[in-house]
Amino acid sequence: MLFVIHALDKLGALPARLANYDAHKAFLSDTEARGVRIVMSGPLVAEDGVTMIGSLFVVEAVDLATVERFNAADPFHVAGIWDRVTITGFIKRQG
């Protein structure tokens, strides 16, 4: 099943995001051990099109609990960068 993880950063979290970026990328480089396959992911950006303000993932996993565990282990989550995280089931229709 597909899931969307929509995570918005806390106000002023950009320095912490940048400090944890390498750990976050390393974490995302091998997700199969956590039962998750990343279909698509990347940073959410402000209106300037550059400043990172959050993260968006489309992932495949057997259930919501697996995605929740995956998200909880992400270095961005561990570092407290995200203010709000929403995980929602997703049905791909196009694309």
PDB file of N, CA and C in Angstrom:
ATOM      1  N   MET A   1       0.836  -1.179   0.000  1.00  0.00           N
ATOM      2  CA  MET A   1       0.000   0.000   0.000  1.00  0.00           C
ATOM      3  C   MET A   1       0.879   1.239   0.000  1.00  0.00           C
ATOM      4  N   LEU A   2       0.364   2.296  -0.630  1.00  0.00           N
ATOM      5  CA  LEU A   2       1.097   3.557  -0.669  1.00  0.00           C
ATOM      6  C   LEU A   2       0.633   4.477   0.461  1.00  0.00           C
ATOM      7  N   PHE A   3       1.587   5.269   0.941  1.00  0.00           N
ATOM      8  CA  PHE A   3       1.315   6.262   1.985  1.00  0.00           C
ATOM      9  C   PHE A   3       2.039   7.553   1.638  1.00  0.00           C
ATOM     10  N   VAL A   4       1.451   8.669   2.038  1.00  0.00           N
ATOM     11  CA  VAL A   4       2.091   9.972   1.919  1.00  0.00           C
ATOM     12  C   VAL A   4       2.468  10.438   3.323  1.00  0.00           C
ATOM     13  N   ILE A   5       3.737  10.834   3.465  1.00  0.00           N
ATOM     14  CA  ILE A   5       4.201  11.459   4.701  1.00  0.00           C
ATOM     15  C   ILE A   5       4.405  12.933   4.388  1.00  0.00           C
ATOM     16  N   HIS A   6       3.640  13.790   5.044  1.00  0.00           N
ATOM     17  CA  HIS A   6       3.729  15.237   4.850  1.00  0.00           C
ATOM     18  C   HIS A   6       4.213  15.827   6.170  1.00  0.00           C
ATOM     19  N   ALA A   7       5.427  16.366   6.170  1.00  0.00           N
ATOM     20  CA  ALA A   7       6.043  16.848   7.405  1.00  0.00           C
ATOM     21  C   ALA A   7       6.442  18.306   7.256  1.00  0.00           C
ATOM     22  N   LEU A   8       5.915  19.159   8.119  1.00  0.00           N
ATOM     23  CA  LEU A   8       6.249  20.581   8.109  1.00  0.00           C
ATOM     24  C   LEU A   8       7.213  20.893   9.240  1.00  0.00           C
ATOM     25  N   ASP A   9       8.260  21.637   8.908  1.00  0.00           N
ATOM     26  CA  ASP A   9       9.286  21.995   9.896  1.00  0.00           C
ATOM     27  C   ASP A   9       8.753  22.985  10.922  1.00  0.00           C
ATOM     28  N   LYS A  10       9.376  22.955  12.106  1.00  0.00           N
ATOM     29  CA  LYS A  10       9.128  23.979  13.107  1.00  0.00           C
ATOM     30  C   LYS A  10       9.681  25.305  12.594  1.00  0.00           C
ATOM     31  N   LEU A  11       9.113  26.379  13.018  1.00  0.00           N
ATOM     32  CA  LEU A  11       9.604  27.699  12.667  1.00  0.00           C
ATOM     33  C   LEU A  11      11.057  27.831  13.125  1.00  0.00           C
ATOM     34  N   GLY A  12      11.922  28.258  12.243  1.00  0.00           N
ATOM     35  CA  GLY A  12      13.330  28.437  12.572  1.00  0.00           C
ATOM     36  C   GLY A  12      14.153  27.160  12.578  1.00  0.00           C
ATOM     37  N   ALA A  13      13.627  26.072  12.015  1.00  0.00           N
ATOM     38  CA  ALA A  13      14.305  24.779  12.059  1.00  0.00           C
ATOM     39  C   ALA A  13      15.361  24.589  10.968  1.00  0.00           C
ATOM     40  N   LEU A  14      15.492  25.545  10.048  1.00  0.00           N
ATOM     41  CA  LEU A  14      16.419  25.346   8.927  1.00  0.00           C
ATOM     42  C   LEU A  14      17.849  25.026   9.370  1.00  0.00           C
ATOM     43  N   PRO A  15      18.438  25.723  10.353  1.00  0.00           N
ATOM     44  CA  PRO A  15      19.797  25.347  10.765  1.00  0.00           C
ATOM     45  C   PRO A  15      19.889  23.895  11.259  1.00  0.00           C
ATOM     46  N   ALA A  16      18.903  23.434  12.016  1.00  0.00           N
ATOM     47  CA  ALA A  16      18.901  22.043  12.494  1.00  0.00           C
ATOM     48  C   ALA A  16      18.706  21.081  11.332  1.00  0.00           C
ATOM     49  N   ARG A  17      17.862  21.460  10.372  1.00  0.00           N
ATOM     50  CA  ARG A  17      17.651  20.629   9.179  1.00  0.00           C
ATOM     51  C   ARG A  17      18.975  20.445   8.441  1.00  0.00           C
ATOM     52  N   LEU A  18      19.687  21.536   8.219  1.00  0.00           N
ATOM     53  CA  LEU A  18      20.956  21.454   7.496  1.00  0.00           C
ATOM     54  C   LEU A  18      21.993  20.653   8.276  1.00  0.00           C
ATOM     55  N   ALA A  19      22.006  20.791   9.594  1.00  0.00           N
ATOM     56  CA  ALA A  19      22.962  20.056  10.427  1.00  0.00           C
ATOM     57  C   ALA A  19      22.695  18.551  10.413  1.00  0.00           C
ATOM     58  N   ASN A  20      21.459  18.148  10.192  1.00  0.00           N
ATOM     59  CA  ASN A  20      21.086  16.735  10.190  1.00  0.00           C
ATOM     60  C   ASN A  20      20.867  16.161   8.800  1.00  0.00           C
ATOM     61  N   TYR A  21      21.152  16.964   7.776  1.00  0.00           N
ATOM     62  CA  TYR A  21      20.858  16.571   6.394  1.00  0.00           C
ATOM     63  C   TYR A  21      21.610  15.312   5.966  1.00  0.00           C
ATOM     64  N   ASP A  22      22.894  15.213   6.267  1.00  0.00           N
ATOM     65  CA  ASP A  22      23.671  14.039   5.857  1.00  0.00           C
ATOM     66  C   ASP A  22      23.155  12.773   6.538  1.00  0.00           C
ATOM     67  N   ALA A  23      22.812  12.847   7.803  1.00  0.00           N
ATOM     68  CA  ALA A  23      22.268  11.690   8.519  1.00  0.00           C
ATOM     69  C   ALA A  23      20.916  11.287   7.939  1.00  0.00           C
ATOM     70  N   HIS A  24      20.097  12.266   7.592  1.00  0.00           N
ATOM     71  CA  HIS A  24      18.789  12.017   6.977  1.00  0.00           C
ATOM     72  C   HIS A  24      18.959  11.319   5.634  1.00  0.00           C
ATOM     73  N   LYS A  25      19.867  11.820   4.800  1.00  0.00           N
ATOM     74  CA  LYS A  25      20.101  11.196   3.488  1.00  0.00           C
ATOM     75  C   LYS A  25      20.636   9.779   3.635  1.00  0.00           C
ATOM     76  N   ALA A  26      21.532   9.554   4.583  1.00  0.00           N
ATOM     77  CA  ALA A  26      22.062   8.211   4.818  1.00  0.00           C
ATOM     78  C   ALA A  26      20.941   7.266   5.260  1.00  0.00           C
ATOM     79  N   PHE A  27      20.068   7.743   6.130  1.00  0.00           N
ATOM     80  CA  PHE A  27      18.927   6.955   6.598  1.00  0.00           C
ATOM     81  C   PHE A  27      18.038   6.551   5.424  1.00  0.00           C
ATOM     82  N   LEU A  28      17.812   7.478   4.503  1.00  0.00           N
ATOM     83  CA  LEU A  28      16.934   7.207   3.364  1.00  0.00           C
ATOM     84  C   LEU A  28      17.583   6.327   2.303  1.00  0.00           C
ATOM     85  N   SER A  29      18.891   6.146   2.370  1.00  0.00           N
ATOM     86  CA  SER A  29      19.584   5.362   1.339  1.00  0.00           C
ATOM     87  C   SER A  29      19.321   3.863   1.452  1.00  0.00           C
ATOM     88  N   ASP A  30      18.849   3.384   2.613  1.00  0.00           N
ATOM     89  CA  ASP A  30      18.556   1.960   2.793  1.00  0.00           C
ATOM     90  C   ASP A  30      17.318   1.798   3.658  1.00  0.00           C
ATOM     91  N   THR A  31      16.159   1.796   3.015  1.00  0.00           N
ATOM     92  CA  THR A  31      14.901   1.734   3.763  1.00  0.00           C
ATOM     93  C   THR A  31      14.280   0.337   3.770  1.00  0.00           C
ATOM     94  N   GLU A  32      14.783  -0.557   2.938  1.00  0.00           N
ATOM     95  CA  GLU A  32      14.188  -1.892   2.841  1.00  0.00           C
ATOM     96  C   GLU A  32      14.221  -2.632   4.181  1.00  0.00           C
ATOM     97  N   ALA A  33      15.281  -2.450   4.960  1.00  0.00           N
ATOM     98  CA  ALA A  33      15.378  -3.114   6.260  1.00  0.00           C
ATOM     99  C   ALA A  33      14.251  -2.672   7.192  1.00  0.00           C
ATOM    100  N   ARG A  34      13.684  -1.507   6.935  1.00  0.00           N
ATOM    101  CA  ARG A  34      12.578  -0.989   7.751  1.00  0.00           C
ATOM    102  C   ARG A  34      11.217  -1.289   7.133  1.00  0.00           C
ATOM    103  N   GLY A  35      11.204  -2.060   6.027  1.00  0.00           N
ATOM    104  CA  GLY A  35       9.950  -2.464   5.403  1.00  0.00           C
ATOM    105  C   GLY A  35       9.290  -1.385   4.577  1.00  0.00           C
ATOM    106  N   VAL A  36      10.075  -0.404   4.139  1.00  0.00           N
ATOM    107  CA  VAL A  36       9.538   0.729   3.384  1.00  0.00           C
ATOM    108  C   VAL A  36      10.316   0.892   2.082  1.00  0.00           C
ATOM    109  N   ARG A  37       9.574   1.153   1.009  1.00  0.00           N
ATOM    110  CA  ARG A  37      10.205   1.498  -0.266  1.00  0.00           C
ATOM    111  C   ARG A  37       9.791   2.917  -0.607  1.00  0.00           C
ATOM    112  N   ILE A  38      10.767   3.792  -0.828  1.00  0.00           N
ATOM    113  CA  ILE A  38      10.456   5.175  -1.187  1.00  0.00           C
ATOM    114  C   ILE A  38      10.134   5.234  -2.672  1.00  0.00           C
ATOM    115  N   VAL A  39       8.947   5.717  -2.986  1.00  0.00           N
ATOM    116  CA  VAL A  39       8.516   5.914  -4.370  1.00  0.00           C
ATOM    117  C   VAL A  39       8.999   7.274  -4.858  1.00  0.00           C
ATOM    118  N   MET A  40       8.890   8.256  -3.971  1.00  0.00           N
ATOM    119  CA  MET A  40       9.289   9.623  -4.298  1.00  0.00           C
ATOM    120  C   MET A  40       9.462  10.375  -2.993  1.00  0.00           C
ATOM    121  N   SER A  41      10.450  11.278  -2.953  1.00  0.00           N
ATOM    122  CA  SER A  41      10.616  12.102  -1.757  1.00  0.00           C
ATOM    123  C   SER A  41      11.388  13.360  -2.095  1.00  0.00           C
ATOM    124  N   GLY A  42      11.265  14.341  -1.217  1.00  0.00           N
ATOM    125  CA  GLY A  42      12.010  15.577  -1.401  1.00  0.00           C
ATOM    126  C   GLY A  42      11.539  16.632  -0.425  1.00  0.00           C
ATOM    127  N   PRO A  43      12.264  17.748  -0.386  1.00  0.00           N
ATOM    128  CA  PRO A  43      11.903  18.816   0.543  1.00  0.00           C
ATOM    129  C   PRO A  43      10.722  19.638   0.035  1.00  0.00           C
ATOM    130  N   LEU A  44       9.908  20.094   0.966  1.00  0.00           N
ATOM    131  CA  LEU A  44       8.908  21.114   0.673  1.00  0.00           C
ATOM    132  C   LEU A  44       9.620  22.454   0.780  1.00  0.00           C
ATOM    133  N   VAL A  45       9.244  23.401  -0.068  1.00  0.00           N
ATOM    134  CA  VAL A  45       9.935  24.690  -0.076  1.00  0.00           C
ATOM    135  C   VAL A  45       8.955  25.846   0.082  1.00  0.00           C
ATOM    136  N   ALA A  46       9.487  26.956   0.570  1.00  0.00           N
ATOM    137  CA  ALA A  46       8.718  28.192   0.733  1.00  0.00           C
ATOM    138  C   ALA A  46       8.402  28.783  -0.642  1.00  0.00           C
ATOM    139  N   GLU A  47       7.675  29.873  -0.635  1.00  0.00           N
ATOM    140  CA  GLU A  47       7.286  30.526  -1.892  1.00  0.00           C
ATOM    141  C   GLU A  47       8.472  30.951  -2.739  1.00  0.00           C
ATOM    142  N   ASP A  48       9.642  31.107  -2.127  1.00  0.00           N
ATOM    143  CA  ASP A  48      10.822  31.494  -2.913  1.00  0.00           C
ATOM    144  C   ASP A  48      11.351  30.340  -3.762  1.00  0.00           C
ATOM    145  N   GLY A  49      10.795  29.132  -3.558  1.00  0.00           N
ATOM    146  CA  GLY A  49      11.196  27.977  -4.345  1.00  0.00           C
ATOM    147  C   GLY A  49      12.525  27.377  -3.937  1.00  0.00           C
ATOM    148  N   VAL A  50      13.122  27.865  -2.862  1.00  0.00           N
ATOM    149  CA  VAL A  50      14.454  27.417  -2.448  1.00  0.00           C
ATOM    150  C   VAL A  50      14.499  27.016  -0.973  1.00  0.00           C
ATOM    151  N   THR A  51      13.953  27.846  -0.105  1.00  0.00           N
ATOM    152  CA  THR A  51      14.056  27.627   1.332  1.00  0.00           C
ATOM    153  C   THR A  51      13.249  26.400   1.750  1.00  0.00           C
ATOM    154  N   MET A  52      13.924  25.397   2.338  1.00  0.00           N
ATOM    155  CA  MET A  52      13.262  24.167   2.749  1.00  0.00           C
ATOM    156  C   MET A  52      12.435  24.404   4.013  1.00  0.00           C
ATOM    157  N   ILE A  53      11.180  23.938   3.969  1.00  0.00           N
ATOM    158  CA  ILE A  53      10.260  24.128   5.095  1.00  0.00           C
ATOM    159  C   ILE A  53       9.598  22.824   5.540  1.00  0.00           C
ATOM    160  N   GLY A  54      10.011  21.726   4.959  1.00  0.00           N
ATOM    161  CA  GLY A  54       9.399  20.450   5.322  1.00  0.00           C
ATOM    162  C   GLY A  54       9.847  19.344   4.389  1.00  0.00           C
ATOM    163  N   SER A  55       9.169  18.216   4.495  1.00  0.00           N
ATOM    164  CA  SER A  55       9.510  17.038   3.710  1.00  0.00           C
ATOM    165  C   SER A  55       8.239  16.358   3.224  1.00  0.00           C
ATOM    166  N   LEU A  56       8.331  15.744   2.047  1.00  0.00           N
ATOM    167  CA  LEU A  56       7.221  14.976   1.495  1.00  0.00           C
ATOM    168  C   LEU A  56       7.762  13.651   0.996  1.00  0.00           C
ATOM    169  N   PHE A  57       7.087  12.576   1.376  1.00  0.00           N
ATOM    170  CA  PHE A  57       7.454  11.241   0.919  1.00  0.00           C
ATOM    171  C   PHE A  57       6.207  10.547   0.393  1.00  0.00           C
ATOM    172  N   VAL A  58       6.368   9.790  -0.669  1.00  0.00           N
ATOM    173  CA  VAL A  58       5.395   8.783  -1.057  1.00  0.00           C
ATOM    174  C   VAL A  58       6.147   7.472  -0.886  1.00  0.00           C
ATOM    175  N   VAL A  59       5.613   6.609  -0.016  1.00  0.00           N
ATOM    176  CA  VAL A  59       6.291   5.355   0.301  1.00  0.00           C
ATOM    177  C   VAL A  59       5.330   4.187   0.128  1.00  0.00           C
ATOM    178  N   GLU A  60       5.928   3.018  -0.060  1.00  0.00           N
ATOM    179  CA  GLU A  60       5.157   1.791  -0.116  1.00  0.00           C
ATOM    180  C   GLU A  60       5.533   0.944   1.097  1.00  0.00           C
ATOM    181  N   ALA A  61       4.516   0.423   1.790  1.00  0.00           N
ATOM    182  CA  ALA A  61       4.735  -0.418   2.966  1.00  0.00           C
ATOM    183  C   ALA A  61       3.500  -1.283   3.172  1.00  0.00           C
ATOM    184  N   VAL A  62       3.637  -2.293   4.013  1.00  0.00           N
ATOM    185  CA  VAL A  62       2.509  -3.201   4.235  1.00  0.00           C
ATOM    186  C   VAL A  62       1.398  -2.575   5.071  1.00  0.00           C
ATOM    187  N   ASP A  63       1.758  -1.639   5.954  1.00  0.00           N
ATOM    188  CA  ASP A  63       0.724  -1.042   6.802  1.00  0.00           C
ATOM    189  C   ASP A  63       1.197   0.286   7.387  1.00  0.00           C
ATOM    190  N   LEU A  64       0.251   0.989   7.982  1.00  0.00           N
ATOM    191  CA  LEU A  64       0.521   2.301   8.576  1.00  0.00           C
ATOM    192  C   LEU A  64       1.535   2.203   9.703  1.00  0.00           C
ATOM    193  N   ALA A  65       1.465   1.176  10.517  1.00  0.00           N
ATOM    194  CA  ALA A  65       2.389   1.035  11.645  1.00  0.00           C
ATOM    195  C   ALA A  65       3.841   0.976  11.169  1.00  0.00           C
ATOM    196  N   THR A  66       4.082   0.317  10.059  1.00  0.00           N
ATOM    197  CA  THR A  66       5.441   0.246   9.500  1.00  0.00           C
ATOM    198  C   THR A  66       5.921   1.627   9.096  1.00  0.00           C
ATOM    199  N   VAL A  67       5.051   2.408   8.478  1.00  0.00           N
ATOM    200  CA  VAL A  67       5.415   3.769   8.048  1.00  0.00           C
ATOM    201  C   VAL A  67       5.641   4.660   9.266  1.00  0.00           C
ATOM    202  N   GLU A  68       4.824   4.508  10.283  1.00  0.00           N
ATOM    203  CA  GLU A  68       5.004   5.299  11.507  1.00  0.00           C
ATOM    204  C   GLU A  68       6.350   4.993  12.164  1.00  0.00           C
ATOM    205  N   ARG A  69       6.740   3.721  12.218  1.00  0.00           N
ATOM    206  CA  ARG A  69       8.042   3.354  12.792  1.00  0.00           C
ATOM    207  C   ARG A  69       9.186   3.919  11.953  1.00  0.00           C
ATOM    208  N   PHE A  70       9.042   3.841  10.634  1.00  0.00           N
ATOM    209  CA  PHE A  70      10.034   4.394   9.714  1.00  0.00           C
ATOM    210  C   PHE A  70      10.196   5.894   9.955  1.00  0.00           C
ATOM    211  N   ASN A  71       9.093   6.603  10.021  1.00  0.00           N
ATOM    212  CA  ASN A  71       9.138   8.049  10.228  1.00  0.00           C
ATOM    213  C   ASN A  71       9.739   8.407  11.583  1.00  0.00           C
ATOM    214  N   ALA A  72       9.409   7.665  12.616  1.00  0.00           N
ATOM    215  CA  ALA A  72       9.919   7.941  13.961  1.00  0.00           C
ATOM    216  C   ALA A  72      11.431   7.757  14.041  1.00  0.00           C
ATOM    217  N   ALA A  73      11.993   6.911  13.172  1.00  0.00           N
ATOM    218  CA  ALA A  73      13.437   6.650  13.177  1.00  0.00           C
ATOM    219  C   ALA A  73      14.221   7.641  12.317  1.00  0.00           C
ATOM    220  N   ASP A  74      13.541   8.445  11.515  1.00  0.00           N
ATOM    221  CA  ASP A  74      14.216   9.410  10.640  1.00  0.00           C
ATOM    222  C   ASP A  74      14.982  10.426  11.495  1.00  0.00           C
ATOM    223  N   PRO A  75      16.243  10.695  11.154  1.00  0.00           N
ATOM    224  CA  PRO A  75      17.022  11.679  11.923  1.00  0.00           C
ATOM    225  C   PRO A  75      16.354  13.054  12.032  1.00  0.00           C
ATOM    226  N   PHE A  76      15.590  13.465  11.043  1.00  0.00           N
ATOM    227  CA  PHE A  76      14.870  14.736  11.157  1.00  0.00           C
ATOM    228  C   PHE A  76      13.829  14.666  12.272  1.00  0.00           C
ATOM    229  N   HIS A  77      13.141  13.537  12.381  1.00  0.00           N
ATOM    230  CA  HIS A  77      12.169  13.375  13.457  1.00  0.00           C
ATOM    231  C   HIS A  77      12.876  13.322  14.814  1.00  0.00           C
ATOM    232  N   VAL A  78      13.927  12.527  14.874  1.00  0.00           N
ATOM    233  CA  VAL A  78      14.678  12.363  16.129  1.00  0.00           C
ATOM    234  C   VAL A  78      15.223  13.713  16.613  1.00  0.00           C
ATOM    235  N   ALA A  79      15.658  14.558  15.679  1.00  0.00           N
ATOM    236  CA  ALA A  79      16.216  15.871  16.028  1.00  0.00           C
ATOM    237  C   ALA A  79      15.131  16.906  16.343  1.00  0.00           C
ATOM    238  N   GLY A  80      13.860  16.537  16.191  1.00  0.00           N
ATOM    239  CA  GLY A  80      12.777  17.456  16.513  1.00  0.00           C
ATOM    240  C   GLY A  80      12.585  18.572  15.507  1.00  0.00           C
ATOM    241  N   ILE A  81      12.937  18.330  14.255  1.00  0.00           N
ATOM    242  CA  ILE A  81      12.846  19.354  13.213  1.00  0.00           C
ATOM    243  C   ILE A  81      11.396  19.573  12.764  1.00  0.00           C
ATOM    244  N   TRP A  82      10.632  18.496  12.687  1.00  0.00           N
ATOM    245  CA  TRP A  82       9.268  18.605  12.181  1.00  0.00           C
ATOM    246  C   TRP A  82       8.296  19.043  13.263  1.00  0.00           C
ATOM    247  N   ASP A  83       7.454  20.002  12.911  1.00  0.00           N
ATOM    248  CA  ASP A  83       6.402  20.488  13.802  1.00  0.00           C
ATOM    249  C   ASP A  83       5.171  19.593  13.700  1.00  0.00           C
ATOM    250  N   ARG A  84       4.786  19.297  12.469  1.00  0.00           N
ATOM    251  CA  ARG A  84       3.592  18.480  12.215  1.00  0.00           C
ATOM    252  C   ARG A  84       3.914  17.424  11.180  1.00  0.00           C
ATOM    253  N   VAL A  85       3.517  16.194  11.448  1.00  0.00           N
ATOM    254  CA  VAL A  85       3.674  15.097  10.490  1.00  0.00           C
ATOM    255  C   VAL A  85       2.318  14.440  10.316  1.00  0.00           C
ATOM    256  N   THR A  86       1.904  14.318   9.060  1.00  0.00           N
ATOM    257  CA  THR A  86       0.674  13.619   8.725  1.00  0.00           C
ATOM    258  C   THR A  86       1.036  12.451   7.823  1.00  0.00           C
ATOM    259  N   ILE A  87       0.540  11.276   8.159  1.00  0.00           N
ATOM    260  CA  ILE A  87       0.752  10.082   7.338  1.00  0.00           C
ATOM    261  C   ILE A  87      -0.619   9.590   6.903  1.00  0.00           C
ATOM    262  N   THR A  88      -0.796   9.506   5.587  1.00  0.00           N
ATOM    263  CA  THR A  88      -2.102   9.201   5.023  1.00  0.00           C
ATOM    264  C   THR A  88      -1.962   8.137   3.944  1.00  0.00           C
ATOM    265  N   GLY A  89      -2.887   7.194   3.914  1.00  0.00           N
ATOM    266  CA  GLY A  89      -2.933   6.224   2.826  1.00  0.00           C
ATOM    267  C   GLY A  89      -3.191   6.932   1.506  1.00  0.00           C
ATOM    268  N   PHE A  90      -2.708   6.343   0.427  1.00  0.00           N
ATOM    269  CA  PHE A  90      -2.771   6.992  -0.885  1.00  0.00           C
ATOM    270  C   PHE A  90      -3.062   5.959  -1.962  1.00  0.00           C
ATOM    271  N   ILE A  91      -3.961   6.309  -2.870  1.00  0.00           N
ATOM    272  CA  ILE A  91      -4.261   5.455  -4.036  1.00  0.00           C
ATOM    273  C   ILE A  91      -3.790   6.203  -5.271  1.00  0.00           C
ATOM    274  N   LYS A  92      -2.817   5.662  -5.961  1.00  0.00           N
ATOM    275  CA  LYS A  92      -2.275   6.287  -7.172  1.00  0.00           C
ATOM    276  C   LYS A  92      -3.257   6.067  -8.321  1.00  0.00           C
ATOM    277  N   ARG A  93      -3.655   7.166  -8.941  1.00  0.00           N
ATOM    278  CA  ARG A  93      -4.564   7.104 -10.092  1.00  0.00           C
ATOM    279  C   ARG A  93      -3.863   7.455 -11.401  1.00  0.00           C
ATOM    280  N   GLN A  94      -2.932   8.400 -11.345  1.00  0.00           N
ATOM    281  CA  GLN A  94      -2.217   8.835 -12.546  1.00  0.00           C
ATOM    282  C   GLN A  94      -0.750   9.065 -12.206  1.00  0.00           C
ATOM    283  N   GLY A  95       0.077   9.092 -13.260  1.00  0.00           N
ATOM    284  CA  GLY A  95       1.485   9.454 -13.072  1.00  0.00           C
ATOM    285  C   GLY A  95       2.429   8.309 -12.995  1.00  0.00           C
TER     286      GLY A  95
END
